[in-house]
Amino acid sequence: MRALLSRRPGGPETLELDEIPEPAAGAGQVRVAVRACGVNFPDLLIIQDLYQVKPPRPFAPGGEISGIVDALGTGVEGLRVGDRVLMSPVQGGMAQKVVGSAGNCWRIPDAMPFDDAAALLLTYGTSQHALTDRAQLKSGETLLVLGAAGGVGLAAVDLGKAMGARVVAAASTEAKLALAREHGADESVQYPAGTLDKAAARALTDHFKSVCGANGAQVIFDPVGGDYTEAALRAIGWQGRYLVVGFTAGIPKLPLNLTLLKSCQIIGVFWGEFIARQPRQHATHVAALMALYLEGRIKPAVTEHFPLQRGMDAIARLGARDARGKIVVMID
């Protein structure tokens, strides 16, 4: 079978399309003939050895897939060969077949295309865990979302609206903000790309405050980091909750006196560890996401498709921070 392989640490240009043996499903595992693979920021990090997980080489990037079950390991119940499924998290998704835990494999409805399925769980699962479990977002609260046109950011916009929040979307271009508004954002803030000096950071804080209102943002969802974090934190409301989701712009350093002045919380969001520690709650979340999808209340914004042989271009596109919504690699 064909797979897009990382044989040495480096950027997307180091990936190679090659033939490798088909994997076998072991005990408690499912093998899936892959139809689509979602592209996410960890894919860029893992091939550079910058991610917390460092699989032995060679390996294929790709942490969420959809396709058709074609083999079951011993002890697997509730799934059959021929089922349409998504699987996340998984390793090696940019390949024609992949093996993963049956506990991370979920049937998908016939009405869900494979590209939507491959773009759903990692981003919406992360945002759902962040907003419901970690922040306990309430209807009527103001939610400020940084990186609001990226995968997890747009999912947070979708889910925030479904939970009854007033959503303020923040992103670096008007085109990205337009996509966030299409998904229900009530207000939008365009921030400058790149490093912010003190004047620019203060101006951005003032902009956040003016749009969020006199009471500030009760919840801030931040998958971006960098200089944007402190500027956003200064606009948080009293006893607000700041969700640390990712660092596409770099890992920030914060003056912790801000947490005292606002009596606010800085809350880490680690979805992968959550699903390992609380699988039953995760299963409940997956069922809720499927219901919201079928009701038309959420829908992944798949904006670009790449074939497997151009999977390295898909990752590079994400790494350049040019992507809107989700990029998906389609696999024959």
Protein backbone atom coordinates (compact mmCIF):
# COMPACT_ATOMS: atom_id res chain seq x y z
CA MET A 1 0.00 0.00 0.00
CA ARG A 2 1.04 3.62 -0.44
CA ALA A 3 1.88 5.94 2.46
CA LEU A 4 3.39 9.40 2.85
CA LEU A 5 6.41 8.79 5.06
CA SER A 6 8.62 10.82 7.36
CA ARG A 7 12.07 9.20 7.26
CA ARG A 8 14.00 12.07 8.91
CA PRO A 9 13.05 15.14 10.95
CA GLY A 10 12.18 18.15 8.83
CA GLY A 11 9.47 20.15 7.12
CA PRO A 12 6.78 18.91 4.76
CA GLU A 13 9.25 18.83 1.88
CA THR A 14 11.02 15.88 3.55
CA LEU A 15 7.99 13.59 3.25
CA GLU A 16 8.17 10.78 0.68
CA LEU A 17 5.41 8.74 -0.98
CA ASP A 18 6.37 5.06 -0.85
CA GLU A 19 5.06 1.50 -0.78
CA ILE A 20 4.93 -0.26 2.60
CA PRO A 21 3.32 -3.51 3.80
CA GLU A 22 -0.30 -3.40 4.93
CA PRO A 23 -0.65 -3.27 8.73
CA ALA A 24 -2.43 -6.09 10.55
CA ALA A 25 -5.14 -5.46 13.13
CA GLY A 26 -4.09 -6.75 16.54
CA ALA A 27 -6.21 -7.49 19.57
CA GLY A 28 -8.73 -4.71 20.20
CA GLN A 29 -7.81 -2.99 16.94
CA VAL A 30 -9.56 -2.09 13.71
CA ARG A 31 -8.05 -1.72 10.25
CA VAL A 32 -9.61 0.93 8.05
CA ALA A 33 -9.27 1.46 4.31
CA VAL A 34 -8.74 5.22 4.40
CA ARG A 35 -10.82 7.55 2.25
CA ALA A 36 -9.90 10.91 3.83
CA CYS A 37 -7.39 12.23 6.35
CA GLY A 38 -7.79 15.55 8.16
CA VAL A 39 -4.72 17.81 8.33
CA ASN A 40 -3.94 19.42 11.68
CA PHE A 41 -1.16 21.51 13.21
CA PRO A 42 0.31 18.53 15.12
CA ASP A 43 1.09 16.95 11.73
CA LEU A 44 3.55 19.77 11.08
CA LEU A 45 5.09 19.45 14.53
CA ILE A 46 5.41 15.67 14.61
CA ILE A 47 7.44 15.42 11.40
CA GLN A 48 9.90 17.95 12.87
CA ASP A 49 10.20 16.09 16.19
CA LEU A 50 8.59 19.09 17.91
CA TYR A 51 5.49 17.27 19.19
CA GLN A 52 5.10 15.59 22.57
CA VAL A 53 4.68 12.23 20.80
CA LYS A 54 7.69 11.03 18.76
CA PRO A 55 6.84 7.82 16.89
CA PRO A 56 9.66 5.67 15.50
CA ARG A 57 10.51 6.32 11.87
CA PRO A 58 9.46 5.79 9.23
CA PHE A 59 5.92 6.91 9.99
CA ALA A 60 3.10 8.66 8.19
CA PRO A 61 1.59 11.83 9.67
CA GLY A 62 -2.17 12.12 10.05
CA GLY A 63 -4.11 11.93 13.30
CA GLU A 64 -7.73 11.59 12.13
CA ILE A 65 -9.18 9.59 9.26
CA SER A 66 -12.40 8.30 7.81
CA GLY A 67 -12.99 5.25 5.66
CA ILE A 68 -14.33 1.71 5.64
CA VAL A 69 -13.53 -1.04 8.12
CA ASP A 70 -11.78 -3.88 6.27
CA ALA A 71 -10.42 -6.01 9.14
CA LEU A 72 -11.09 -6.56 12.85
CA GLY A 73 -8.68 -7.75 15.50
CA THR A 74 -9.67 -10.21 18.19
CA GLY A 75 -11.98 -8.97 20.91
CA VAL A 76 -13.54 -6.14 18.89
CA GLU A 77 -17.28 -5.73 19.40
CA GLY A 78 -19.79 -3.30 17.97
CA LEU A 79 -18.06 -2.87 14.61
CA ARG A 80 -18.21 -4.90 11.40
CA VAL A 81 -16.23 -5.14 8.20
CA GLY A 82 -17.82 -2.69 5.76
CA ASP A 83 -18.82 -0.10 8.37
CA ARG A 84 -18.29 3.54 7.44
CA VAL A 85 -16.25 5.05 10.28
CA LEU A 86 -14.02 7.82 11.50
CA MET A 87 -11.03 7.16 13.71
CA SER A 88 -9.33 9.72 15.94
CA PRO A 89 -6.83 9.97 17.43
CA VAL A 90 -4.82 7.61 15.28
CA GLN A 91 -1.25 7.46 13.98
CA GLY A 92 -0.21 7.14 10.35
CA GLY A 93 -3.38 8.47 8.74
CA MET A 94 -1.81 9.56 5.44
CA ALA A 95 -1.80 6.03 4.06
CA GLN A 96 -4.16 3.76 2.18
CA LYS A 97 -4.83 1.66 5.28
CA VAL A 98 -4.38 2.35 8.96
CA VAL A 99 -4.78 0.40 12.19
CA GLY A 100 -6.02 1.90 15.44
CA SER A 101 -7.83 1.20 18.67
CA ALA A 102 -11.45 0.12 18.32
CA GLY A 103 -12.19 2.49 21.20
CA ASN A 104 -11.27 5.43 18.98
CA CYS A 105 -13.28 4.21 15.99
CA TRP A 106 -16.82 5.51 15.52
CA ARG A 107 -19.53 4.72 13.00
CA ILE A 108 -20.59 7.68 10.88
CA PRO A 109 -24.06 8.27 9.45
CA ASP A 110 -24.66 7.62 5.75
CA ALA A 111 -25.44 11.33 5.35
CA MET A 112 -21.90 12.31 6.41
CA PRO A 113 -19.35 12.48 3.56
CA PHE A 114 -15.90 11.07 4.23
CA ASP A 115 -14.23 14.50 4.06
CA ASP A 116 -16.59 15.94 6.68
CA ALA A 117 -15.97 12.89 8.89
CA ALA A 118 -12.19 13.25 8.65
CA ALA A 119 -12.48 16.92 9.61
CA LEU A 120 -14.80 16.51 12.59
CA LEU A 121 -13.50 14.83 15.69
CA LEU A 122 -10.08 16.26 16.46
CA THR A 123 -11.13 19.89 16.05
CA TYR A 124 -14.72 19.71 17.29
CA GLY A 125 -13.76 17.22 20.00
CA THR A 126 -11.04 19.54 21.28
CA SER A 127 -13.31 22.59 21.18
CA GLN A 128 -16.21 20.73 22.78
CA HIS A 129 -14.00 19.50 25.65
CA ALA A 130 -12.60 23.01 26.08
CA LEU A 131 -15.93 24.82 26.15
CA THR A 132 -18.03 22.29 28.06
CA ASP A 133 -15.68 20.49 30.44
CA ARG A 134 -12.94 23.06 31.02
CA ALA A 135 -14.67 26.45 30.70
CA GLN A 136 -18.27 25.39 31.40
CA LEU A 137 -19.45 28.01 28.92
CA LYS A 138 -22.97 29.26 29.66
CA SER A 139 -25.66 30.58 27.37
CA GLY A 140 -25.49 34.36 27.12
CA GLU A 141 -21.78 34.61 27.96
CA THR A 142 -19.34 36.33 25.61
CA LEU A 143 -16.82 33.96 24.00
CA LEU A 144 -13.74 35.45 22.29
CA VAL A 145 -12.13 33.02 19.82
CA LEU A 146 -8.62 33.65 18.51
CA GLY A 147 -7.65 31.97 15.25
CA ALA A 148 -11.35 31.81 14.55
CA ALA A 149 -11.02 30.56 10.95
CA GLY A 150 -8.66 27.69 11.74
CA GLY A 151 -9.80 24.14 12.45
CA VAL A 152 -10.31 24.28 16.21
CA GLY A 153 -11.15 28.00 16.16
CA LEU A 154 -13.98 27.60 13.67
CA ALA A 155 -15.23 24.59 15.61
CA ALA A 156 -15.28 26.77 18.74
CA VAL A 157 -17.33 29.39 16.87
CA ASP A 158 -19.80 26.71 15.74
CA LEU A 159 -20.10 25.11 19.16
CA GLY A 160 -20.19 28.43 21.01
CA LYS A 161 -23.21 29.47 18.98
CA ALA A 162 -24.84 26.07 19.52
CA MET A 163 -24.35 26.59 23.28
CA GLY A 164 -26.01 30.01 23.17
CA ALA A 165 -22.95 32.22 23.62
CA ARG A 166 -22.29 35.59 22.04
CA VAL A 167 -19.26 34.83 19.88
CA VAL A 168 -16.53 37.33 18.98
CA ALA A 169 -14.27 35.94 16.25
CA ALA A 170 -10.68 37.17 15.89
CA ALA A 171 -8.39 36.40 12.94
CA SER A 172 -5.70 37.97 10.80
CA THR A 173 -7.60 38.62 7.54
CA GLU A 174 -11.04 39.76 6.48
CA ALA A 175 -11.48 36.58 4.43
CA LYS A 176 -10.95 34.49 7.54
CA LEU A 177 -13.38 36.64 9.53
CA ALA A 178 -15.97 36.29 6.78
CA LEU A 179 -15.78 32.50 7.16
CA ALA A 180 -16.24 32.83 10.93
CA ARG A 181 -19.29 35.04 10.41
CA GLU A 182 -20.72 32.44 8.02
CA HIS A 183 -20.51 30.01 10.94
CA GLY A 184 -22.43 32.34 13.21
CA ALA A 185 -19.93 34.71 14.81
CA ASP A 186 -21.76 37.77 16.13
CA GLU A 187 -18.80 40.16 16.03
CA SER A 188 -15.31 40.10 14.55
CA VAL A 189 -11.88 41.58 15.25
CA GLN A 190 -9.05 41.62 12.72
CA TYR A 191 -5.61 41.53 14.32
CA PRO A 192 -2.26 42.19 12.60
CA ALA A 193 -0.14 39.26 11.48
CA GLY A 194 3.32 38.84 12.96
CA THR A 195 5.03 40.24 16.03
CA LEU A 196 3.21 42.93 18.03
CA ASP A 197 5.11 45.79 19.67
CA LYS A 198 3.72 47.34 22.85
CA ALA A 199 1.66 49.94 21.01
CA ALA A 200 0.13 47.37 18.67
CA ALA A 201 -0.61 45.01 21.56
CA ARG A 202 -2.31 47.78 23.53
CA ALA A 203 -4.34 48.79 20.46
CA LEU A 204 -5.44 45.19 20.01
CA THR A 205 -6.48 44.94 23.67
CA ASP A 206 -8.53 48.11 23.28
CA HIS A 207 -10.16 46.66 20.16
CA PHE A 208 -11.00 43.43 21.98
CA LYS A 209 -12.48 45.41 24.89
CA SER A 210 -14.61 47.63 22.65
CA VAL A 211 -16.12 44.64 20.83
CA CYS A 212 -16.50 42.34 23.84
CA GLY A 213 -18.24 45.07 25.83
CA ALA A 214 -17.99 46.60 29.28
CA ASN A 215 -17.95 43.22 31.04
CA GLY A 216 -15.20 41.79 28.83
CA ALA A 217 -15.08 38.22 27.56
CA GLN A 218 -16.19 35.58 30.03
CA VAL A 219 -14.37 32.87 28.07
CA ILE A 220 -11.38 33.23 25.72
CA PHE A 221 -10.43 30.35 23.42
CA ASP A 222 -6.78 30.60 22.31
CA PRO A 223 -5.18 28.14 19.86
CA VAL A 224 -2.75 30.83 18.64
CA GLY A 225 -0.55 32.01 21.52
CA GLY A 226 2.37 34.32 20.74
CA ASP A 227 1.91 38.04 21.30
CA TYR A 228 -1.87 37.70 20.95
CA THR A 229 -2.30 35.92 24.28
CA GLU A 230 -1.48 38.80 26.61
CA ALA A 231 -3.42 41.26 24.45
CA ALA A 232 -6.49 39.01 24.71
CA LEU A 233 -6.03 38.23 28.42
CA ARG A 234 -6.14 41.94 29.22
CA ALA A 235 -9.67 41.98 27.74
CA ILE A 236 -11.00 39.13 29.87
CA GLY A 237 -13.91 39.76 32.21
CA TRP A 238 -14.03 39.38 35.98
CA GLN A 239 -13.59 35.70 36.91
CA GLY A 240 -13.20 34.87 33.24
CA ARG A 241 -11.75 31.60 31.93
CA TYR A 242 -8.83 31.65 29.49
CA LEU A 243 -8.48 28.41 27.51
CA VAL A 244 -4.95 27.48 26.42
CA VAL A 245 -5.47 25.31 23.33
CA GLY A 246 -2.38 25.70 21.13
CA PHE A 247 0.55 27.80 20.03
CA THR A 248 0.58 28.33 16.25
CA ALA A 249 2.23 31.75 16.85
CA GLY A 250 4.56 30.53 19.60
CA ILE A 251 4.44 29.85 23.35
CA PRO A 252 3.69 33.10 25.23
CA LYS A 253 4.98 34.41 28.55
CA LEU A 254 2.40 36.12 30.74
CA PRO A 255 2.54 38.63 33.63
CA LEU A 256 0.58 36.69 36.22
CA ASN A 257 -0.56 39.84 37.99
CA LEU A 258 -3.25 39.97 35.31
CA THR A 259 -4.85 36.83 36.72
CA LEU A 260 -4.99 38.49 40.15
CA LEU A 261 -6.49 41.74 38.86
CA LYS A 262 -9.26 39.92 36.97
CA SER A 263 -9.58 37.00 39.40
CA CYS A 264 -9.50 34.88 36.24
CA GLN A 265 -8.43 31.33 35.48
CA ILE A 266 -5.91 30.14 32.89
CA ILE A 267 -7.03 26.65 31.90
CA GLY A 268 -5.10 24.07 29.90
CA VAL A 269 -6.89 21.96 27.28
CA PHE A 270 -5.35 18.55 26.45
CA TRP A 271 -7.99 16.61 24.53
CA GLY A 272 -5.84 13.56 23.87
CA GLU A 273 -5.18 12.97 27.56
CA PHE A 274 -8.84 13.64 28.39
CA ILE A 275 -10.10 10.88 26.08
CA ALA A 276 -7.53 8.45 27.49
CA ARG A 277 -8.54 9.21 31.08
CA GLN A 278 -12.30 9.61 30.61
CA PRO A 279 -13.39 7.41 27.69
CA ARG A 280 -17.04 7.24 28.77
CA GLN A 281 -17.40 11.00 28.87
CA HIS A 282 -15.63 11.18 25.52
CA ALA A 283 -18.14 8.71 24.05
CA THR A 284 -20.96 10.93 25.30
CA HIS A 285 -19.32 13.91 23.63
CA VAL A 286 -18.96 12.06 20.31
CA ALA A 287 -22.65 11.13 20.36
CA ALA A 288 -23.54 14.78 21.03
CA LEU A 289 -21.37 15.97 18.13
CA MET A 290 -22.99 13.47 15.75
CA ALA A 291 -26.42 14.69 16.83
CA LEU A 292 -25.45 18.34 16.29
CA TYR A 293 -24.09 17.47 12.85
CA LEU A 294 -27.26 15.65 11.79
CA GLU A 295 -29.36 18.56 13.08
CA GLY A 296 -27.33 20.94 10.88
CA ARG A 297 -26.11 22.96 13.86
CA ILE A 298 -22.42 22.26 13.21
CA LYS A 299 -20.54 21.43 10.01
CA PRO A 300 -16.79 21.24 9.37
CA ALA A 301 -15.67 23.83 6.82
CA VAL A 302 -13.57 21.73 4.46
CA THR A 303 -12.08 24.40 2.22
CA GLU A 304 -9.35 22.48 0.39
CA HIS A 305 -8.73 18.89 -0.78
CA PHE A 306 -5.34 17.40 -1.70
CA PRO A 307 -4.51 13.94 -3.09
CA LEU A 308 -2.20 11.69 -1.07
CA GLN A 309 0.77 12.40 -3.32
CA ARG A 310 0.42 16.09 -2.41
CA GLY A 311 -0.08 15.55 1.31
CA MET A 312 3.17 17.42 1.99
CA ASP A 313 1.67 20.48 0.25
CA ALA A 314 -1.41 20.24 2.46
CA ILE A 315 0.74 20.29 5.61
CA ALA A 316 2.84 23.15 4.24
CA ARG A 317 -0.32 25.13 3.53
CA LEU A 318 -1.38 24.75 7.14
CA GLY A 319 2.09 25.63 8.39
CA ALA A 320 2.08 28.89 6.44
CA ARG A 321 -1.07 29.89 8.38
CA ASP A 322 -2.85 30.54 5.09
CA ALA A 323 -5.52 27.90 5.61
CA ARG A 324 -9.15 28.62 6.38
CA GLY A 325 -11.28 25.92 7.96
CA LYS A 326 -10.02 22.38 7.44
CA ILE A 327 -7.73 20.89 4.81
CA VAL A 328 -8.33 17.23 3.95
CA VAL A 329 -6.15 14.73 2.09
CA MET A 330 -8.28 12.40 -0.04
CA ILE A 331 -7.02 8.85 -0.48
CA ASP A 332 -8.16 6.44 -3.19
